[in-house]
PDB file of all heavy atoms in Angstrom:
ATOM      1  N   SER A   1     110.888 116.185 114.051  1.00  0.00           N
ATOM      2  CA  SER A   1     110.731 116.220 115.584  1.00  0.00           C
ATOM      3  C   SER A   1     111.416 114.980 116.231  1.00  0.00           C
ATOM      4  O   SER A   1     111.607 113.944 115.564  1.00  0.00           O
ATOM      5  CB  SER A   1     109.199 116.219 115.920  1.00  0.00           C
ATOM      6  OG  SER A   1     108.980 115.962 117.258  1.00  0.00           O
ATOM      7  N   GLY A   2     111.801 115.209 117.424  1.00  0.00           N
ATOM      8  CA  GLY A   2     112.307 114.111 118.242  1.00  0.00           C
ATOM      9  C   GLY A   2     111.378 113.357 119.127  1.00  0.00           C
ATOM     10  O   GLY A   2     111.688 112.634 119.929  1.00  0.00           O
ATOM     11  N   ALA A   3     110.096 113.712 118.970  1.00  0.00           N
ATOM     12  CA  ALA A   3     109.050 113.137 119.796  1.00  0.00           C
ATOM     13  C   ALA A   3     108.706 111.753 119.325  1.00  0.00           C
ATOM     14  O   ALA A   3     109.136 111.332 118.271  1.00  0.00           O
ATOM     15  CB  ALA A   3     107.752 114.040 119.682  1.00  0.00           C
ATOM     16  N   LYS A   4     108.032 110.995 120.180  1.00  0.00           N
ATOM     17  CA  LYS A   4     107.731 109.625 119.796  1.00  0.00           C
ATOM     18  C   LYS A   4     106.315 109.525 118.965  1.00  0.00           C
ATOM     19  O   LYS A   4     105.612 110.517 118.979  1.00  0.00           O
ATOM     20  CB  LYS A   4     107.536 108.845 121.105  1.00  0.00           C
ATOM     21  CG  LYS A   4     108.888 108.659 121.893  1.00  0.00           C
ATOM     22  CD  LYS A   4     108.673 107.805 123.099  1.00  0.00           C
ATOM     23  CE  LYS A   4     109.997 107.607 123.853  1.00  0.00           C
ATOM     24  NZ  LYS A   4     109.890 106.760 124.977  1.00  0.00           N
ATOM     25  N   LEU A   5     106.232 108.376 118.362  1.00  0.00           N
ATOM     26  CA  LEU A   5     105.117 108.171 117.424  1.00  0.00           C
ATOM     27  C   LEU A   5     104.225 107.063 117.924  1.00  0.00           C
ATOM     28  O   LEU A   5     104.769 106.068 118.319  1.00  0.00           O
ATOM     29  CB  LEU A   5     105.534 107.887 115.980  1.00  0.00           C
ATOM     30  CG  LEU A   5     104.483 107.513 115.000  1.00  0.00           C
ATOM     31  CD1 LEU A   5     103.818 108.825 114.532  1.00  0.00           C
ATOM     32  CD2 LEU A   5     105.226 106.906 113.720  1.00  0.00           C
ATOM     33  N   ALA A   6     102.926 107.173 117.880  1.00  0.00           N
ATOM     34  CA  ALA A   6     101.926 106.161 118.083  1.00  0.00           C
ATOM     35  C   ALA A   6     101.045 106.071 116.802  1.00  0.00           C
ATOM     36  O   ALA A   6     100.641 107.012 116.358  1.00  0.00           O
ATOM     37  CB  ALA A   6     101.134 106.350 119.385  1.00  0.00           C
ATOM     38  N   LEU A   7     100.780 104.802 116.412  1.00  0.00           N
ATOM     39  CA  LEU A   7      99.873 104.578 115.310  1.00  0.00           C
ATOM     40  C   LEU A   7      98.651 103.891 115.830  1.00  0.00           C
ATOM     41  O   LEU A   7      98.652 102.895 116.543  1.00  0.00           O
ATOM     42  CB  LEU A   7     100.571 103.674 114.225  1.00  0.00           C
ATOM     43  CG  LEU A   7      99.655 103.184 113.044  1.00  0.00           C
ATOM     44  CD1 LEU A   7      99.384 104.418 112.223  1.00  0.00           C
ATOM     45  CD2 LEU A   7     100.160 102.082 112.366  1.00  0.00           C
ATOM     46  N   SER A   8      97.529 104.421 115.526  1.00  0.00           N
ATOM     47  CA  SER A   8      96.175 103.872 115.715  1.00  0.00           C
ATOM     48  C   SER A   8      96.010 102.753 114.665  1.00  0.00           C
ATOM     49  O   SER A   8      95.612 103.014 113.587  1.00  0.00           O
ATOM     50  CB  SER A   8      95.094 104.851 115.650  1.00  0.00           C
ATOM     51  OG  SER A   8      93.936 104.341 116.082  1.00  0.00           O
ATOM     52  N   LEU A   9      96.340 101.550 115.105  1.00  0.00           N
ATOM     53  CA  LEU A   9      96.368 100.420 114.164  1.00  0.00           C
ATOM     54  C   LEU A   9      94.964  99.732 113.902  1.00  0.00           C
ATOM     55  O   LEU A   9      94.364  99.813 112.801  1.00  0.00           O
ATOM     56  CB  LEU A   9      97.426  99.386 114.535  1.00  0.00           C
ATOM     57  CG  LEU A   9      97.584  98.173 113.694  1.00  0.00           C
ATOM     58  CD1 LEU A   9      98.090  98.495 112.322  1.00  0.00           C
ATOM     59  CD2 LEU A   9      98.646  97.219 114.320  1.00  0.00           C
ATOM     60  N   ASN A  10      94.571  98.982 114.995  1.00  0.00           N
ATOM     61  CA  ASN A  10      93.196  98.557 115.043  1.00  0.00           C
ATOM     62  C   ASN A  10      92.733  97.459 114.072  1.00  0.00           C
ATOM     63  O   ASN A  10      91.547  97.008 114.152  1.00  0.00           O
ATOM     64  CB  ASN A  10      92.158  99.723 115.059  1.00  0.00           C
ATOM     65  CG  ASN A  10      92.563 100.842 115.955  1.00  0.00           C
ATOM     66  OD1 ASN A  10      92.886 100.481 117.199  1.00  0.00           O
ATOM     67  ND2 ASN A  10      92.529 102.113 115.574  1.00  0.00           N
ATOM     68  N   ALA A  11      93.528  97.053 113.115  1.00  0.00           N
ATOM     69  CA  ALA A  11      93.161  95.952 112.322  1.00  0.00           C
ATOM     70  C   ALA A  11      94.476  95.394 111.713  1.00  0.00           C
ATOM     71  O   ALA A  11      95.409  96.180 111.592  1.00  0.00           O
ATOM     72  CB  ALA A  11      92.302  96.403 111.196  1.00  0.00           C
ATOM     73  N   THR A  12      94.457  94.175 111.237  1.00  0.00           N
ATOM     74  CA  THR A  12      95.687  93.506 110.792  1.00  0.00           C
ATOM     75  C   THR A  12      95.651  93.139 109.307  1.00  0.00           C
ATOM     76  O   THR A  12      96.532  92.552 108.744  1.00  0.00           O
ATOM     77  CB  THR A  12      96.037  92.294 111.569  1.00  0.00           C
ATOM     78  OG1 THR A  12      94.931  91.412 111.534  1.00  0.00           O
ATOM     79  CG2 THR A  12      96.203  92.602 113.052  1.00  0.00           C
ATOM     80  N   THR A  13      94.539  93.441 108.698  1.00  0.00           N
ATOM     81  CA  THR A  13      94.359  93.236 107.263  1.00  0.00           C
ATOM     82  C   THR A  13      93.802  94.390 106.582  1.00  0.00           C
ATOM     83  O   THR A  13      93.278  95.312 107.188  1.00  0.00           O
ATOM     84  CB  THR A  13      93.215  92.078 106.964  1.00  0.00           C
ATOM     85  OG1 THR A  13      91.978  92.532 107.340  1.00  0.00           O
ATOM     86  CG2 THR A  13      93.627  90.842 107.715  1.00  0.00           C
ATOM     87  N   GLU A  14      94.091  94.587 105.215  1.00  0.00           N
ATOM     88  CA  GLU A  14      93.725  95.750 104.514  1.00  0.00           C
ATOM     89  C   GLU A  14      92.246  95.915 104.493  1.00  0.00           C
ATOM     90  O   GLU A  14      91.756  97.049 104.775  1.00  0.00           O
ATOM     91  CB  GLU A  14      94.156  95.533 103.018  1.00  0.00           C
ATOM     92  CG  GLU A  14      94.359  96.829 102.295  1.00  0.00           C
ATOM     93  CD  GLU A  14      95.593  97.637 102.666  1.00  0.00           C
ATOM     94  OE1 GLU A  14      96.670  97.001 102.875  1.00  0.00           O
ATOM     95  OE2 GLU A  14      95.388  98.843 102.837  1.00  0.00           O
ATOM     96  N   GLU A  15      91.538  94.864 104.330  1.00  0.00           N
ATOM     97  CA  GLU A  15      90.008  94.994 104.295  1.00  0.00           C
ATOM     98  C   GLU A  15      89.482  95.328 105.701  1.00  0.00           C
ATOM     99  O   GLU A  15      88.561  96.193 105.829  1.00  0.00           O
ATOM    100  CB  GLU A  15      89.381  93.631 103.851  1.00  0.00           C
ATOM    101  CG  GLU A  15      89.794  93.227 102.411  1.00  0.00           C
ATOM    102  CD  GLU A  15      91.136  92.641 102.363  1.00  0.00           C
ATOM    103  OE1 GLU A  15      91.789  92.287 103.487  1.00  0.00           O
ATOM    104  OE2 GLU A  15      91.710  92.502 101.266  1.00  0.00           O
ATOM    105  N   GLY A  16      90.039  94.791 106.708  1.00  0.00           N
ATOM    106  CA  GLY A  16      89.575  95.011 108.115  1.00  0.00           C
ATOM    107  C   GLY A  16      89.850  96.454 108.450  1.00  0.00           C
ATOM    108  O   GLY A  16      89.073  97.063 109.133  1.00  0.00           O
ATOM    109  N   ARG A  17      91.023  96.903 108.092  1.00  0.00           N
ATOM    110  CA  ARG A  17      91.348  98.261 108.533  1.00  0.00           C
ATOM    111  C   ARG A  17      90.440  99.343 107.695  1.00  0.00           C
ATOM    112  O   ARG A  17      90.098 100.322 108.292  1.00  0.00           O
ATOM    113  CB  ARG A  17      92.789  98.522 108.387  1.00  0.00           C
ATOM    114  CG  ARG A  17      93.290  99.863 109.028  1.00  0.00           C
ATOM    115  CD  ARG A  17      94.870  99.915 109.095  1.00  0.00           C
ATOM    116  NE  ARG A  17      95.293 100.844 110.104  1.00  0.00           N
ATOM    117  CZ  ARG A  17      95.603 102.179 109.764  1.00  0.00           C
ATOM    118  NH1 ARG A  17      95.462 102.580 108.514  1.00  0.00           N
ATOM    119  NH2 ARG A  17      95.943 103.002 110.715  1.00  0.00           N
ATOM    120  N   GLU A  18      90.356  98.982 106.522  1.00  0.00           N
ATOM    121  CA  GLU A  18      89.552  99.920 105.628  1.00  0.00           C
ATOM    122  C   GLU A  18      88.084 100.035 106.181  1.00  0.00           C
ATOM    123  O   GLU A  18      87.476 101.168 106.086  1.00  0.00           O
ATOM    124  CB  GLU A  18      89.564  99.404 104.133  1.00  0.00           C
ATOM    125  CG  GLU A  18      88.918 100.456 103.163  1.00  0.00           C
ATOM    126  CD  GLU A  18      89.099 100.080 101.711  1.00  0.00           C
ATOM    127  OE1 GLU A  18      90.293  99.595 101.348  1.00  0.00           O
ATOM    128  OE2 GLU A  18      88.038 100.027 101.027  1.00  0.00           O
ATOM    129  N   ALA A  19      87.578  98.942 106.730  1.00  0.00           N
ATOM    130  CA  ALA A  19      86.109  98.982 107.256  1.00  0.00           C
ATOM    131  C   ALA A  19      86.095  99.876 108.407  1.00  0.00           C
ATOM    132  O   ALA A  19      85.125 100.418 108.687  1.00  0.00           O
ATOM    133  CB  ALA A  19      85.728  97.529 107.595  1.00  0.00           C
ATOM    134  N   LEU A  20      87.187  99.880 109.229  1.00  0.00           N
ATOM    135  CA  LEU A  20      87.111 100.595 110.545  1.00  0.00           C
ATOM    136  C   LEU A  20      87.705 101.999 110.284  1.00  0.00           C
ATOM    137  O   LEU A  20      87.168 103.014 111.035  1.00  0.00           O
ATOM    138  CB  LEU A  20      88.086  99.941 111.502  1.00  0.00           C
ATOM    139  CG  LEU A  20      87.473  98.588 112.087  1.00  0.00           C
ATOM    140  CD1 LEU A  20      88.597  97.974 112.937  1.00  0.00           C
ATOM    141  CD2 LEU A  20      86.230  98.868 112.912  1.00  0.00           C
ATOM    142  N   MET A  21      88.661 102.227 109.427  1.00  0.00           N
ATOM    143  CA  MET A  21      89.404 103.526 109.301  1.00  0.00           C
ATOM    144  C   MET A  21      89.418 103.801 107.834  1.00  0.00           C
ATOM    145  O   MET A  21      90.307 103.371 107.059  1.00  0.00           O
ATOM    146  CB  MET A  21      90.778 103.356 109.843  1.00  0.00           C
ATOM    147  CG  MET A  21      90.728 102.914 111.384  1.00  0.00           C
ATOM    148  SD  MET A  21      92.376 102.637 111.974  1.00  0.00           S
ATOM    149  CE  MET A  21      92.856 104.340 112.305  1.00  0.00           C
ATOM    150  N   PRO A  22      88.564 104.782 107.400  1.00  0.00           N
ATOM    151  CA  PRO A  22      88.479 105.145 105.950  1.00  0.00           C
ATOM    152  C   PRO A  22      89.847 105.699 105.353  1.00  0.00           C
ATOM    153  O   PRO A  22      90.049 105.662 104.164  1.00  0.00           O
ATOM    154  CB  PRO A  22      87.419 106.218 105.894  1.00  0.00           C
ATOM    155  CG  PRO A  22      86.587 105.939 107.053  1.00  0.00           C
ATOM    156  CD  PRO A  22      87.529 105.389 108.129  1.00  0.00           C
ATOM    157  N   VAL A  23      90.748 106.247 106.259  1.00  0.00           N
ATOM    158  CA  VAL A  23      92.029 106.725 105.720  1.00  0.00           C
ATOM    159  C   VAL A  23      92.806 105.584 104.997  1.00  0.00           C
ATOM    160  O   VAL A  23      93.757 105.938 104.170  1.00  0.00           O
ATOM    161  CB  VAL A  23      92.785 107.289 106.952  1.00  0.00           C
ATOM    162  CG1 VAL A  23      93.347 106.117 107.767  1.00  0.00           C
ATOM    163  CG2 VAL A  23      93.998 108.158 106.370  1.00  0.00           C
ATOM    164  N   THR A  24      92.444 104.301 105.258  1.00  0.00           N
ATOM    165  CA  THR A  24      93.177 103.220 104.619  1.00  0.00           C
ATOM    166  C   THR A  24      92.970 103.194 103.132  1.00  0.00           C
ATOM    167  O   THR A  24      93.804 102.692 102.304  1.00  0.00           O
ATOM    168  CB  THR A  24      92.712 101.859 105.287  1.00  0.00           C
ATOM    169  OG1 THR A  24      92.759 101.980 106.659  1.00  0.00           O
ATOM    170  CG2 THR A  24      93.596 100.726 104.799  1.00  0.00           C
ATOM    171  N   LYS A  25      91.877 103.848 102.590  1.00  0.00           N
ATOM    172  CA  LYS A  25      91.678 103.865 101.191  1.00  0.00           C
ATOM    173  C   LYS A  25      92.744 104.809 100.530  1.00  0.00           C
ATOM    174  O   LYS A  25      93.006 104.658  99.363  1.00  0.00           O
ATOM    175  CB  LYS A  25      90.351 104.444 100.865  1.00  0.00           C
ATOM    176  CG  LYS A  25      89.187 103.527 101.428  1.00  0.00           C
ATOM    177  CD  LYS A  25      87.718 104.155 101.111  1.00  0.00           C
ATOM    178  CE  LYS A  25      86.722 103.246 101.735  1.00  0.00           C
ATOM    179  NZ  LYS A  25      85.320 103.932 101.610  1.00  0.00           N
ATOM    180  N   ARG A  26      93.227 105.701 101.318  1.00  0.00           N
ATOM    181  CA  ARG A  26      94.236 106.643 100.830  1.00  0.00           C
ATOM    182  C   ARG A  26      95.604 106.137 101.028  1.00  0.00           C
ATOM    183  O   ARG A  26      96.501 106.283 100.210  1.00  0.00           O
ATOM    184  CB  ARG A  26      93.999 108.088 101.488  1.00  0.00           C
ATOM    185  CG  ARG A  26      94.871 109.172 101.017  1.00  0.00           C
ATOM    186  CD  ARG A  26      94.509 110.459 101.613  1.00  0.00           C
ATOM    187  NE  ARG A  26      95.415 111.514 101.223  1.00  0.00           N
ATOM    188  CZ  ARG A  26      95.381 112.753 101.791  1.00  0.00           C
ATOM    189  NH1 ARG A  26      94.465 113.051 102.814  1.00  0.00           N
ATOM    190  NH2 ARG A  26      96.242 113.719 101.371  1.00  0.00           N
ATOM    191  N   TYR A  27      95.861 105.626 102.205  1.00  0.00           N
ATOM    192  CA  TYR A  27      97.159 105.037 102.595  1.00  0.00           C
ATOM    193  C   TYR A  27      97.008 103.618 103.029  1.00  0.00           C
ATOM    194  O   TYR A  27      96.410 103.473 104.048  1.00  0.00           O
ATOM    195  CB  TYR A  27      97.933 105.829 103.671  1.00  0.00           C
ATOM    196  CG  TYR A  27      98.021 107.353 103.286  1.00  0.00           C
ATOM    197  CD1 TYR A  27      97.426 108.319 103.859  1.00  0.00           C
ATOM    198  CD2 TYR A  27      98.962 107.786 102.237  1.00  0.00           C
ATOM    199  CE1 TYR A  27      97.562 109.723 103.572  1.00  0.00           C
ATOM    200  CE2 TYR A  27      99.065 109.074 101.876  1.00  0.00           C
ATOM    201  CZ  TYR A  27      98.369 110.077 102.554  1.00  0.00           C
ATOM    202  OH  TYR A  27      98.603 111.331 102.211  1.00  0.00           O
ATOM    203  N   SER A  28      97.450 102.730 102.257  1.00  0.00           N
ATOM    204  CA  SER A  28      97.237 101.233 102.497  1.00  0.00           C
ATOM    205  C   SER A  28      97.960 100.961 103.863  1.00  0.00           C
ATOM    206  O   SER A  28      98.871 101.580 104.346  1.00  0.00           O
ATOM    207  CB  SER A  28      97.673 100.413 101.484  1.00  0.00           C
ATOM    208  OG  SER A  28      99.229 100.514 101.442  1.00  0.00           O
ATOM    209  N   LEU A  29      97.451  99.858 104.504  1.00  0.00           N
ATOM    210  CA  LEU A  29      98.168  99.406 105.700  1.00  0.00           C
ATOM    211  C   LEU A  29      99.668  99.051 105.364  1.00  0.00           C
ATOM    212  O   LEU A  29     100.474  99.396 106.320  1.00  0.00           O
ATOM    213  CB  LEU A  29      97.400  97.994 106.072  1.00  0.00           C
ATOM    214  CG  LEU A  29      98.134  97.348 107.390  1.00  0.00           C
ATOM    215  CD1 LEU A  29      98.027  98.274 108.546  1.00  0.00           C
ATOM    216  CD2 LEU A  29      97.291  96.010 107.595  1.00  0.00           C
ATOM    217  N   GLU A  30      99.958  98.578 104.315  1.00  0.00           N
ATOM    218  CA  GLU A  30     101.369  98.299 103.935  1.00  0.00           C
ATOM    219  C   GLU A  30     102.165  99.516 103.975  1.00  0.00           C
ATOM    220  O   GLU A  30     103.311  99.711 104.398  1.00  0.00           O
ATOM    221  CB  GLU A  30     101.510  97.517 102.577  1.00  0.00           C
ATOM    222  CG  GLU A  30     102.908  97.276 102.155  1.00  0.00           C
ATOM    223  CD  GLU A  30     103.748  96.432 103.130  1.00  0.00           C
ATOM    224  OE1 GLU A  30     103.085  95.599 103.844  1.00  0.00           O
ATOM    225  OE2 GLU A  30     104.942  96.590 103.179  1.00  0.00           O
ATOM    226  N   GLU A  31     101.660 100.641 103.326  1.00  0.00           N
ATOM    227  CA  GLU A  31     102.292 101.922 103.215  1.00  0.00           C
ATOM    228  C   GLU A  31     102.547 102.507 104.632  1.00  0.00           C
ATOM    229  O   GLU A  31     103.577 103.051 104.924  1.00  0.00           O
ATOM    230  CB  GLU A  31     101.515 102.885 102.452  1.00  0.00           C
ATOM    231  CG  GLU A  31     101.437 102.726 100.874  1.00  0.00           C
ATOM    232  CD  GLU A  31     100.622 103.829 100.243  1.00  0.00           C
ATOM    233  OE1 GLU A  31      99.378 103.531 100.098  1.00  0.00           O
ATOM    234  OE2 GLU A  31     101.129 104.948  99.920  1.00  0.00           O
ATOM    235  N   VAL A  32     101.521 102.343 105.402  1.00  0.00           N
ATOM    236  CA  VAL A  32     101.692 102.974 106.835  1.00  0.00           C
ATOM    237  C   VAL A  32     102.722 102.185 107.672  1.00  0.00           C
ATOM    238  O   VAL A  32     103.484 102.802 108.293  1.00  0.00           O
ATOM    239  CB  VAL A  32     100.279 102.849 107.516  1.00  0.00           C
ATOM    240  CG1 VAL A  32     100.313 103.328 108.974  1.00  0.00           C
ATOM    241  CG2 VAL A  32      99.360 103.854 106.699  1.00  0.00           C
ATOM    242  N   ILE A  33     102.606 100.882 107.606  1.00  0.00           N
ATOM    243  CA  ILE A  33     103.608 100.080 108.340  1.00  0.00           C
ATOM    244  C   ILE A  33     105.046 100.396 107.859  1.00  0.00           C
ATOM    245  O   ILE A  33     105.949 100.532 108.717  1.00  0.00           O
ATOM    246  CB  ILE A  33     103.317  98.592 108.238  1.00  0.00           C
ATOM    247  CG1 ILE A  33     101.949  98.264 108.849  1.00  0.00           C
ATOM    248  CG2 ILE A  33     104.446  97.720 108.909  1.00  0.00           C
ATOM    249  CD1 ILE A  33     101.786  98.604 110.301  1.00  0.00           C
ATOM    250  N   GLU A  34     105.229 100.568 106.491  1.00  0.00           N
ATOM    251  CA  GLU A  34     106.548 100.862 105.987  1.00  0.00           C
ATOM    252  C   GLU A  34     106.945 102.208 106.360  1.00  0.00           C
ATOM    253  O   GLU A  34     108.186 102.444 106.740  1.00  0.00           O
ATOM    254  CB  GLU A  34     106.563 100.769 104.504  1.00  0.00           C
ATOM    255  CG  GLU A  34     107.938 100.965 103.812  1.00  0.00           C
ATOM    256  CD  GLU A  34     109.010 100.019 104.386  1.00  0.00           C
ATOM    257  OE1 GLU A  34     108.669  98.848 104.706  1.00  0.00           O
ATOM    258  OE2 GLU A  34     110.133 100.449 104.419  1.00  0.00           O
ATOM    259  N   ALA A  35     106.058 103.191 106.529  1.00  0.00           N
ATOM    260  CA  ALA A  35     106.360 104.507 107.036  1.00  0.00           C
ATOM    261  C   ALA A  35     106.770 104.455 108.488  1.00  0.00           C
ATOM    262  O   ALA A  35     107.746 105.177 108.849  1.00  0.00           O
ATOM    263  CB  ALA A  35     105.177 105.527 106.873  1.00  0.00           C
ATOM    264  N   CYS A  36     106.050 103.659 109.264  1.00  0.00           N
ATOM    265  CA  CYS A  36     106.466 103.482 110.676  1.00  0.00           C
ATOM    266  C   CYS A  36     107.906 102.940 110.815  1.00  0.00           C
ATOM    267  O   CYS A  36     108.699 103.269 111.664  1.00  0.00           O
ATOM    268  CB  CYS A  36     105.435 102.588 111.365  1.00  0.00           C
ATOM    269  SG  CYS A  36     103.793 103.455 111.660  1.00  0.00           S
ATOM    270  N   ARG A  37     108.169 101.987 109.958  1.00  0.00           N
ATOM    271  CA  ARG A  37     109.483 101.304 110.014  1.00  0.00           C
ATOM    272  C   ARG A  37     110.562 102.352 109.738  1.00  0.00           C
ATOM    273  O   ARG A  37     111.626 102.452 110.355  1.00  0.00           O
ATOM    274  CB  ARG A  37     109.511 100.196 108.952  1.00  0.00           C
ATOM    275  CG  ARG A  37     110.860  99.371 108.957  1.00  0.00           C
ATOM    276  CD  ARG A  37     110.628  98.252 108.072  1.00  0.00           C
ATOM    277  NE  ARG A  37     111.999  97.472 108.003  1.00  0.00           N
ATOM    278  CZ  ARG A  37     113.050  97.862 107.051  1.00  0.00           C
ATOM    279  NH1 ARG A  37     112.869  98.858 106.360  1.00  0.00           N
ATOM    280  NH2 ARG A  37     114.027  97.191 107.145  1.00  0.00           N
ATOM    281  N   GLU A  38     110.258 103.170 108.753  1.00  0.00           N
ATOM    282  CA  GLU A  38     111.241 104.186 108.275  1.00  0.00           C
ATOM    283  C   GLU A  38     111.407 105.251 109.464  1.00  0.00           C
ATOM    284  O   GLU A  38     112.602 105.682 109.744  1.00  0.00           O
ATOM    285  CB  GLU A  38     110.869 104.923 107.050  1.00  0.00           C
ATOM    286  CG  GLU A  38     111.892 105.963 106.520  1.00  0.00           C
ATOM    287  CD  GLU A  38     111.468 106.443 105.107  1.00  0.00           C
ATOM    288  OE1 GLU A  38     110.721 105.879 104.393  1.00  0.00           O
ATOM    289  OE2 GLU A  38     111.981 107.582 104.815  1.00  0.00           O
ATOM    290  N   TYR A  39     110.296 105.493 110.111  1.00  0.00           N
ATOM    291  CA  TYR A  39     110.421 106.481 111.252  1.00  0.00           C
ATOM    292  C   TYR A  39     111.293 105.864 112.388  1.00  0.00           C
ATOM    293  O   TYR A  39     112.103 106.564 112.971  1.00  0.00           O
ATOM    294  CB  TYR A  39     108.953 106.806 111.837  1.00  0.00           C
ATOM    295  CG  TYR A  39     109.069 107.451 113.211  1.00  0.00           C
ATOM    296  CD1 TYR A  39     109.214 108.685 113.439  1.00  0.00           C
ATOM    297  CD2 TYR A  39     108.940 106.465 114.304  1.00  0.00           C
ATOM    298  CE1 TYR A  39     109.219 109.191 114.760  1.00  0.00           C
ATOM    299  CE2 TYR A  39     109.002 106.968 115.547  1.00  0.00           C
ATOM    300  CZ  TYR A  39     109.213 108.319 115.813  1.00  0.00           C
ATOM    301  OH  TYR A  39     109.236 108.723 117.156  1.00  0.00           O
ATOM    302  N   ALA A  40     110.916 104.637 112.726  1.00  0.00           N
ATOM    303  CA  ALA A  40     111.761 104.023 113.862  1.00  0.00           C
ATOM    304  C   ALA A  40     113.101 103.857 113.679  1.00  0.00           C
ATOM    305  O   ALA A  40     114.002 104.087 114.478  1.00  0.00           O
ATOM    306  CB  ALA A  40     111.016 102.577 114.103  1.00  0.00           C
ATOM    307  N   LEU A  41     113.533 103.510 112.337  1.00  0.00           N
ATOM    308  CA  LEU A  41     114.887 103.288 112.093  1.00  0.00           C
ATOM    309  C   LEU A  41     115.614 104.609 111.973  1.00  0.00           C
ATOM    310  O   LEU A  41     116.799 104.684 112.447  1.00  0.00           O
ATOM    311  CB  LEU A  41     115.055 102.538 110.707  1.00  0.00           C
ATOM    312  CG  LEU A  41     114.564 101.117 110.645  1.00  0.00           C
ATOM    313  CD1 LEU A  41     114.700 100.591 109.223  1.00  0.00           C
ATOM    314  CD2 LEU A  41     115.316 100.246 111.717  1.00  0.00           C
TER     315      LEU A  41
END
């Protein structure tokens, strides 16, 4: 798609994000940020 992407981030550490967003147990913050970087580039 050529549409734009928004990420619901809401935390800046692995532990903090996992406490707020259970999906972090499946996809780490680092994995998600790297995926966003690949999308943007």
